[in-house]
Amino acid sequence: MKGRPIVSLNQVSMTYHNASGDITPLENVSLDIYRGDFIAICGVSGSGKSTLLNIMAGIVDPTCGTVLYNGRVDLSKLKDRKRTAFRRRNIGMVFQHMNLIGNMTARENIMFPLLLNNTKCTPEVDEKVMRIISMLGLEHVESNYPFEMSGGEQQRTAIARAILPGTIESGLHTLLLAEEPTGNLDQANSVAIGHILQNLNNELGQSIVLATHDTTLAAMAKTRIQLQNGTLSFL
């Protein structure tokens, strides 16, 4: 028994209007994501992968359909401030561009969401921070600034930052959304990031939805789903 989904997409569609006509990257998409899932959304550039992740994150609202967290929280119904607060505590995001803060060290970047959430830095919190830093192999660069780190180290820092609030505040009842996280990395670092995501999923039960066109990375997920012509199909 998987229990209740962390997030449920029900008949989600998205249509953009422009001078050339309507574009519908998503059409009546339904998907349940459970704790411990590791799902790769595959598709060519422009197929709607980023749109799907942005809808899951509540960054954009679908044209129609619902996105429910824990069976009760509809992100589209939340005001901006409450939606942002919910996202900070329940949804971790990793992007192709790491978006680290340049004047903060790796450790400060990782802990930045805790500052936004007004989380007190207790010995227990510090222990959990160190566990995440260790799991992602960042002990040797935790005092380094982004410009002093390799691309792989920067992306591992971004992943640590994304999962930390859930580790401390939500017991990993959170969703990690990763949009082309290896797009700017070489093959060796891409494989290393894939193994890290696998370890987080296997050892911590972290739920992950990954959008990628990298077939090697997608193969590391437990479930692969193709997004094509606005619809999902399991591979």
C-alpha atoms as a PDB file:
ATOM      1  CA  MET A   1       0.000   0.000   0.000  1.00  0.00           C
ATOM      2  CA  LYS A   2       1.440   3.337  -1.045  1.00  0.00           C
ATOM      3  CA  GLY A   3      -0.893   5.419   1.092  1.00  0.00           C
ATOM      4  CA  ARG A   4      -2.024   8.865   0.085  1.00  0.00           C
ATOM      5  CA  PRO A   5      -0.149  10.622  -2.746  1.00  0.00           C
ATOM      6  CA  ILE A   6       2.120  13.502  -1.858  1.00  0.00           C
ATOM      7  CA  VAL A   7       0.810  15.289  -4.921  1.00  0.00           C
ATOM      8  CA  SER A   8      -1.984  14.498  -7.359  1.00  0.00           C
ATOM      9  CA  LEU A   9      -2.413  16.070 -10.768  1.00  0.00           C
ATOM     10  CA  ASN A  10      -5.949  15.647 -12.062  1.00  0.00           C
ATOM     11  CA  GLN A  11      -6.826  16.461 -15.674  1.00  0.00           C
ATOM     12  CA  VAL A  12      -4.239  19.237 -15.854  1.00  0.00           C
ATOM     13  CA  SER A  13      -4.031  21.207 -19.078  1.00  0.00           C
ATOM     14  CA  MET A  14      -1.987  24.248 -20.024  1.00  0.00           C
ATOM     15  CA  THR A  15      -2.576  26.463 -23.031  1.00  0.00           C
ATOM     16  CA  TYR A  16      -0.547  29.500 -24.035  1.00  0.00           C
ATOM     17  CA  HIS A  17      -1.990  32.124 -26.349  1.00  0.00           C
ATOM     18  CA  ASN A  18       0.179  34.075 -28.765  1.00  0.00           C
ATOM     19  CA  ALA A  19      -0.024  35.754 -32.149  1.00  0.00           C
ATOM     20  CA  SER A  20       0.700  32.489 -33.956  1.00  0.00           C
ATOM     21  CA  GLY A  21      -2.136  30.662 -32.244  1.00  0.00           C
ATOM     22  CA  ASP A  22      -2.674  28.504 -29.181  1.00  0.00           C
ATOM     23  CA  ILE A  23       0.033  26.187 -27.858  1.00  0.00           C
ATOM     24  CA  THR A  24      -1.010  23.355 -25.516  1.00  0.00           C
ATOM     25  CA  PRO A  25       2.059  21.627 -24.005  1.00  0.00           C
ATOM     26  CA  LEU A  26      -0.111  19.742 -21.489  1.00  0.00           C
ATOM     27  CA  GLU A  27      -3.517  18.227 -22.161  1.00  0.00           C
ATOM     28  CA  ASN A  28      -5.570  16.408 -19.503  1.00  0.00           C
ATOM     29  CA  VAL A  29      -2.513  15.153 -17.631  1.00  0.00           C
ATOM     30  CA  SER A  30      -3.190  13.063 -14.518  1.00  0.00           C
ATOM     31  CA  LEU A  31      -0.443  11.705 -12.274  1.00  0.00           C
ATOM     32  CA  ASP A  32      -0.107  10.603  -8.640  1.00  0.00           C
ATOM     33  CA  ILE A  33       3.260  10.916  -6.899  1.00  0.00           C
ATOM     34  CA  TYR A  34       3.873   8.978  -3.701  1.00  0.00           C
ATOM     35  CA  ARG A  35       6.490   9.170  -0.990  1.00  0.00           C
ATOM     36  CA  GLY A  36       9.597   7.356  -2.179  1.00  0.00           C
ATOM     37  CA  ASP A  37       8.855   7.723  -5.886  1.00  0.00           C
ATOM     38  CA  PHE A  38      11.702   8.601  -8.233  1.00  0.00           C
ATOM     39  CA  ILE A  39      10.164   9.598 -11.556  1.00  0.00           C
ATOM     40  CA  ALA A  40      11.930  10.811 -14.697  1.00  0.00           C
ATOM     41  CA  ILE A  41       9.818  12.882 -17.088  1.00  0.00           C
ATOM     42  CA  CYS A  42      11.414  12.445 -20.510  1.00  0.00           C
ATOM     43  CA  GLY A  43      10.853  14.421 -23.658  1.00  0.00           C
ATOM     44  CA  VAL A  44      12.474  16.626 -26.255  1.00  0.00           C
ATOM     45  CA  SER A  45      13.096  20.309 -25.701  1.00  0.00           C
ATOM     46  CA  GLY A  46       9.810  22.203 -25.811  1.00  0.00           C
ATOM     47  CA  SER A  47       7.685  19.151 -24.985  1.00  0.00           C
ATOM     48  CA  GLY A  48       6.334  20.728 -21.788  1.00  0.00           C
ATOM     49  CA  LYS A  49       8.579  19.198 -19.125  1.00  0.00           C
ATOM     50  CA  SER A  50       9.427  22.544 -17.546  1.00  0.00           C
ATOM     51  CA  THR A  51       5.794  23.635 -17.683  1.00  0.00           C
ATOM     52  CA  LEU A  52       4.768  20.455 -15.860  1.00  0.00           C
ATOM     53  CA  LEU A  53       7.326  20.992 -13.086  1.00  0.00           C
ATOM     54  CA  ASN A  54       6.389  24.661 -12.743  1.00  0.00           C
ATOM     55  CA  ILE A  55       2.749  23.679 -12.314  1.00  0.00           C
ATOM     56  CA  MET A  56       3.700  21.078  -9.684  1.00  0.00           C
ATOM     57  CA  ALA A  57       5.646  23.778  -7.860  1.00  0.00           C
ATOM     58  CA  GLY A  58       2.817  26.286  -8.009  1.00  0.00           C
ATOM     59  CA  ILE A  59       4.939  28.729  -9.987  1.00  0.00           C
ATOM     60  CA  VAL A  60       2.296  28.839 -12.703  1.00  0.00           C
ATOM     61  CA  ASP A  61      -1.354  27.795 -12.584  1.00  0.00           C
ATOM     62  CA  PRO A  62      -2.771  25.337 -15.101  1.00  0.00           C
ATOM     63  CA  THR A  63      -5.423  26.488 -17.531  1.00  0.00           C
ATOM     64  CA  CYS A  64      -7.652  23.802 -16.060  1.00  0.00           C
ATOM     65  CA  GLY A  65      -7.348  20.863 -13.695  1.00  0.00           C
ATOM     66  CA  THR A  66      -6.093  20.628 -10.113  1.00  0.00           C
ATOM     67  CA  VAL A  67      -2.823  20.017  -8.276  1.00  0.00           C
ATOM     68  CA  LEU A  68      -3.435  18.740  -4.754  1.00  0.00           C
ATOM     69  CA  TYR A  69      -0.786  18.216  -2.081  1.00  0.00           C
ATOM     70  CA  ASN A  70      -1.551  15.580   0.554  1.00  0.00           C
ATOM     71  CA  GLY A  71      -5.078  15.361  -0.787  1.00  0.00           C
ATOM     72  CA  ARG A  72      -6.133  18.745   0.551  1.00  0.00           C
ATOM     73  CA  VAL A  73      -3.894  21.683  -0.440  1.00  0.00           C
ATOM     74  CA  ASP A  74      -4.743  23.119  -3.856  1.00  0.00           C
ATOM     75  CA  LEU A  75      -1.866  25.454  -4.716  1.00  0.00           C
ATOM     76  CA  SER A  76      -3.936  27.429  -7.206  1.00  0.00           C
ATOM     77  CA  LYS A  77      -6.313  28.423  -4.404  1.00  0.00           C
ATOM     78  CA  LEU A  78      -3.579  29.849  -2.168  1.00  0.00           C
ATOM     79  CA  LYS A  79      -2.693  33.534  -2.108  1.00  0.00           C
ATOM     80  CA  ASP A  80       0.846  34.355  -3.218  1.00  0.00           C
ATOM     81  CA  ARG A  81       2.297  34.680   0.286  1.00  0.00           C
ATOM     82  CA  LYS A  82       0.787  31.428   1.548  1.00  0.00           C
ATOM     83  CA  ARG A  83       1.754  29.639  -1.655  1.00  0.00           C
ATOM     84  CA  THR A  84       5.357  30.787  -1.302  1.00  0.00           C
ATOM     85  CA  ALA A  85       5.440  29.683   2.342  1.00  0.00           C
ATOM     86  CA  PHE A  86       4.009  26.276   1.415  1.00  0.00           C
ATOM     87  CA  ARG A  87       6.547  25.862  -1.397  1.00  0.00           C
ATOM     88  CA  ARG A  88       9.488  26.721   0.859  1.00  0.00           C
ATOM     89  CA  ARG A  89       8.538  24.010   3.341  1.00  0.00           C
ATOM     90  CA  ASN A  90       7.232  21.294   1.057  1.00  0.00           C
ATOM     91  CA  ILE A  91       8.812  21.585  -2.388  1.00  0.00           C
ATOM     92  CA  GLY A  92      12.517  21.585  -3.151  1.00  0.00           C
ATOM     93  CA  MET A  93      13.641  22.787  -6.568  1.00  0.00           C
ATOM     94  CA  VAL A  94      16.866  22.227  -8.503  1.00  0.00           C
ATOM     95  CA  PHE A  95      17.512  23.854 -11.854  1.00  0.00           C
ATOM     96  CA  GLN A  96      19.925  23.516 -14.752  1.00  0.00           C
ATOM     97  CA  HIS A  97      21.455  26.816 -13.623  1.00  0.00           C
ATOM     98  CA  MET A  98      22.297  26.317  -9.957  1.00  0.00           C
ATOM     99  CA  ASN A  99      21.161  29.782  -8.812  1.00  0.00           C
ATOM    100  CA  LEU A 100      23.521  29.840  -5.848  1.00  0.00           C
ATOM    101  CA  ILE A 101      24.056  33.133  -4.021  1.00  0.00           C
ATOM    102  CA  GLY A 102      27.506  34.334  -4.996  1.00  0.00           C
ATOM    103  CA  ASN A 103      28.508  36.013  -1.736  1.00  0.00           C
ATOM    104  CA  MET A 104      27.526  33.018   0.408  1.00  0.00           C
ATOM    105  CA  THR A 105      29.597  29.923   1.104  1.00  0.00           C
ATOM    106  CA  ALA A 106      28.304  26.468   0.211  1.00  0.00           C
ATOM    107  CA  ARG A 107      27.144  25.922   3.794  1.00  0.00           C
ATOM    108  CA  GLU A 108      25.440  29.335   3.910  1.00  0.00           C
ATOM    109  CA  ASN A 109      23.685  28.617   0.610  1.00  0.00           C
ATOM    110  CA  ILE A 110      22.496  25.263   1.918  1.00  0.00           C
ATOM    111  CA  MET A 111      21.151  26.817   5.114  1.00  0.00           C
ATOM    112  CA  PHE A 112      19.568  29.861   3.463  1.00  0.00           C
ATOM    113  CA  PRO A 113      16.041  28.335   3.281  1.00  0.00           C
ATOM    114  CA  LEU A 114      16.157  27.820   7.052  1.00  0.00           C
ATOM    115  CA  LEU A 115      16.741  31.550   7.470  1.00  0.00           C
ATOM    116  CA  LEU A 116      13.717  32.286   5.272  1.00  0.00           C
ATOM    117  CA  ASN A 117      11.636  29.840   7.310  1.00  0.00           C
ATOM    118  CA  ASN A 118      12.811  31.344  10.624  1.00  0.00           C
ATOM    119  CA  THR A 119      14.150  27.951  11.692  1.00  0.00           C
ATOM    120  CA  LYS A 120      16.252  28.074  14.850  1.00  0.00           C
ATOM    121  CA  CYS A 121      19.759  26.671  14.438  1.00  0.00           C
ATOM    122  CA  THR A 122      19.799  24.136  17.275  1.00  0.00           C
ATOM    123  CA  PRO A 123      22.413  21.380  17.746  1.00  0.00           C
ATOM    124  CA  GLU A 124      19.894  18.939  16.226  1.00  0.00           C
ATOM    125  CA  VAL A 125      19.467  21.150  13.161  1.00  0.00           C
ATOM    126  CA  ASP A 126      23.240  21.515  12.816  1.00  0.00           C
ATOM    127  CA  GLU A 127      23.606  17.734  12.985  1.00  0.00           C
ATOM    128  CA  LYS A 128      21.107  17.293  10.160  1.00  0.00           C
ATOM    129  CA  VAL A 129      22.857  19.965   8.083  1.00  0.00           C
ATOM    130  CA  MET A 130      26.150  18.119   8.495  1.00  0.00           C
ATOM    131  CA  ARG A 131      24.499  14.835   7.533  1.00  0.00           C
ATOM    132  CA  ILE A 132      23.239  16.318   4.268  1.00  0.00           C
ATOM    133  CA  ILE A 133      26.616  17.960   3.558  1.00  0.00           C
ATOM    134  CA  SER A 134      28.315  14.608   4.155  1.00  0.00           C
ATOM    135  CA  MET A 135      25.824  12.634   2.044  1.00  0.00           C
ATOM    136  CA  LEU A 136      26.447  14.935  -0.891  1.00  0.00           C
ATOM    137  CA  GLY A 137      30.220  14.878  -0.452  1.00  0.00           C
ATOM    138  CA  LEU A 138      30.566  18.591   0.232  1.00  0.00           C
ATOM    139  CA  GLU A 139      32.641  18.580   3.419  1.00  0.00           C
ATOM    140  CA  HIS A 140      35.740  19.817   1.597  1.00  0.00           C
ATOM    141  CA  VAL A 141      33.975  22.806   0.015  1.00  0.00           C
ATOM    142  CA  GLU A 142      31.445  23.830   2.672  1.00  0.00           C
ATOM    143  CA  SER A 143      33.430  27.042   3.348  1.00  0.00           C
ATOM    144  CA  ASN A 144      33.963  27.797  -0.348  1.00  0.00           C
ATOM    145  CA  TYR A 145      32.091  30.375  -2.403  1.00  0.00           C
ATOM    146  CA  PRO A 146      30.409  29.289  -5.656  1.00  0.00           C
ATOM    147  CA  PHE A 147      33.199  30.662  -7.840  1.00  0.00           C
ATOM    148  CA  GLU A 148      35.600  28.414  -5.937  1.00  0.00           C
ATOM    149  CA  MET A 149      33.601  25.260  -6.707  1.00  0.00           C
ATOM    150  CA  SER A 150      33.301  23.060  -9.774  1.00  0.00           C
ATOM    151  CA  GLY A 151      30.023  22.761 -11.653  1.00  0.00           C
ATOM    152  CA  GLY A 152      29.339  19.398 -10.036  1.00  0.00           C
ATOM    153  CA  GLU A 153      30.010  20.779  -6.562  1.00  0.00           C
ATOM    154  CA  GLN A 154      27.719  23.733  -7.225  1.00  0.00           C
ATOM    155  CA  GLN A 155      24.900  21.436  -8.330  1.00  0.00           C
ATOM    156  CA  ARG A 156      25.365  19.183  -5.287  1.00  0.00           C
ATOM    157  CA  THR A 157      25.135  22.329  -3.139  1.00  0.00           C
ATOM    158  CA  ALA A 158      21.903  23.281  -4.904  1.00  0.00           C
ATOM    159  CA  ILE A 159      20.476  19.804  -4.253  1.00  0.00           C
ATOM    160  CA  ALA A 160      21.429  20.004  -0.566  1.00  0.00           C
ATOM    161  CA  ARG A 161      19.734  23.392  -0.302  1.00  0.00           C
ATOM    162  CA  ALA A 162      16.582  22.012  -1.938  1.00  0.00           C
ATOM    163  CA  ILE A 163      16.142  19.009   0.363  1.00  0.00           C
ATOM    164  CA  LEU A 164      17.277  20.506   3.680  1.00  0.00           C
ATOM    165  CA  PRO A 165      14.003  22.210   4.767  1.00  0.00           C
ATOM    166  CA  GLY A 166      12.064  18.979   4.260  1.00  0.00           C
ATOM    167  CA  THR A 167      14.678  16.981   6.134  1.00  0.00           C
ATOM    168  CA  ILE A 168      14.393  19.249   9.164  1.00  0.00           C
ATOM    169  CA  GLU A 169      10.787  20.460   9.154  1.00  0.00           C
ATOM    170  CA  SER A 170       8.720  17.953   7.215  1.00  0.00           C
ATOM    171  CA  GLY A 171      10.460  14.636   7.752  1.00  0.00           C
ATOM    172  CA  LEU A 172      10.992  14.357   3.987  1.00  0.00           C
ATOM    173  CA  HIS A 173       7.262  14.458   3.246  1.00  0.00           C
ATOM    174  CA  THR A 174       8.439  16.773   0.506  1.00  0.00           C
ATOM    175  CA  LEU A 175       8.857  16.676  -3.233  1.00  0.00           C
ATOM    176  CA  LEU A 176      12.151  17.386  -4.967  1.00  0.00           C
ATOM    177  CA  LEU A 177      11.659  18.786  -8.462  1.00  0.00           C
ATOM    178  CA  ALA A 178      14.773  18.743 -10.637  1.00  0.00           C
ATOM    179  CA  GLU A 179      14.679  20.471 -14.012  1.00  0.00           C
ATOM    180  CA  GLU A 180      17.521  19.356 -16.307  1.00  0.00           C
ATOM    181  CA  PRO A 181      19.920  19.257 -13.318  1.00  0.00           C
ATOM    182  CA  THR A 182      22.795  17.941 -15.432  1.00  0.00           C
ATOM    183  CA  GLY A 183      22.261  20.176 -18.460  1.00  0.00           C
ATOM    184  CA  ASN A 184      25.423  22.208 -17.782  1.00  0.00           C
ATOM    185  CA  LEU A 185      27.595  19.311 -16.588  1.00  0.00           C
ATOM    186  CA  ASP A 186      29.952  16.908 -18.334  1.00  0.00           C
ATOM    187  CA  GLN A 187      29.180  13.182 -18.518  1.00  0.00           C
ATOM    188  CA  ALA A 188      31.133  12.208 -15.405  1.00  0.00           C
ATOM    189  CA  ASN A 189      29.465  14.856 -13.238  1.00  0.00           C
ATOM    190  CA  SER A 190      26.061  14.045 -14.747  1.00  0.00           C
ATOM    191  CA  VAL A 191      26.406  10.397 -13.718  1.00  0.00           C
ATOM    192  CA  ALA A 192      27.592  11.472 -10.256  1.00  0.00           C
ATOM    193  CA  ILE A 193      24.494  13.668  -9.817  1.00  0.00           C
ATOM    194  CA  GLY A 194      22.337  10.740 -10.910  1.00  0.00           C
ATOM    195  CA  HIS A 195      23.896   8.509  -8.262  1.00  0.00           C
ATOM    196  CA  ILE A 196      23.354  11.194  -5.617  1.00  0.00           C
ATOM    197  CA  LEU A 197      19.669  11.421  -6.507  1.00  0.00           C
ATOM    198  CA  GLN A 198      19.437   7.636  -6.321  1.00  0.00           C
ATOM    199  CA  ASN A 199      21.068   7.619  -2.879  1.00  0.00           C
ATOM    200  CA  LEU A 200      18.726  10.324  -1.581  1.00  0.00           C
ATOM    201  CA  ASN A 201      15.776   8.307  -2.844  1.00  0.00           C
ATOM    202  CA  ASN A 202      16.995   4.928  -1.572  1.00  0.00           C
ATOM    203  CA  GLU A 203      18.507   5.979   1.768  1.00  0.00           C
ATOM    204  CA  LEU A 204      16.220   8.831   2.812  1.00  0.00           C
ATOM    205  CA  GLY A 205      13.056   8.005   0.892  1.00  0.00           C
ATOM    206  CA  GLN A 206      13.212  11.372  -0.836  1.00  0.00           C
ATOM    207  CA  SER A 207      10.480  11.710  -3.473  1.00  0.00           C
ATOM    208  CA  ILE A 208      11.890  13.029  -6.742  1.00  0.00           C
ATOM    209  CA  VAL A 209      10.460  14.141 -10.062  1.00  0.00           C
ATOM    210  CA  LEU A 210      13.162  14.744 -12.628  1.00  0.00           C
ATOM    211  CA  ALA A 211      12.694  16.423 -16.004  1.00  0.00           C
ATOM    212  CA  THR A 212      15.433  15.517 -18.450  1.00  0.00           C
ATOM    213  CA  HIS A 213      16.301  14.632 -22.010  1.00  0.00           C
ATOM    214  CA  ASP A 214      19.444  12.821 -20.747  1.00  0.00           C
ATOM    215  CA  THR A 215      18.658   9.127 -21.308  1.00  0.00           C
ATOM    216  CA  THR A 216      21.463   7.968 -18.995  1.00  0.00           C
ATOM    217  CA  LEU A 217      20.129  10.079 -16.135  1.00  0.00           C
ATOM    218  CA  ALA A 218      16.528   9.050 -16.826  1.00  0.00           C
ATOM    219  CA  ALA A 219      17.506   5.377 -16.650  1.00  0.00           C
ATOM    220  CA  MET A 220      18.588   5.872 -13.019  1.00  0.00           C
ATOM    221  CA  ALA A 221      15.018   6.689 -11.965  1.00  0.00           C
ATOM    222  CA  LYS A 222      12.610   4.021 -10.751  1.00  0.00           C
ATOM    223  CA  THR A 223       9.904   5.141 -13.188  1.00  0.00           C
ATOM    224  CA  ARG A 224      10.237   6.766 -16.603  1.00  0.00           C
ATOM    225  CA  ILE A 225       7.400   8.691 -18.223  1.00  0.00           C
ATOM    226  CA  GLN A 226       7.402  10.131 -21.726  1.00  0.00           C
ATOM    227  CA  LEU A 227       5.808  13.523 -22.310  1.00  0.00           C
ATOM    228  CA  GLN A 228       4.811  13.893 -25.924  1.00  0.00           C
ATOM    229  CA  ASN A 229       2.056  15.845 -27.659  1.00  0.00           C
ATOM    230  CA  GLY A 230       0.801  17.056 -24.289  1.00  0.00           C
ATOM    231  CA  THR A 231       0.204  13.621 -22.786  1.00  0.00           C
ATOM    232  CA  LEU A 232       2.086  11.200 -20.516  1.00  0.00           C
ATOM    233  CA  SER A 233       2.882   7.579 -21.232  1.00  0.00           C
ATOM    234  CA  PHE A 234       4.844   5.161 -19.039  1.00  0.00           C
ATOM    235  CA  LEU A 235       8.002   3.691 -20.548  1.00  0.00           C
END
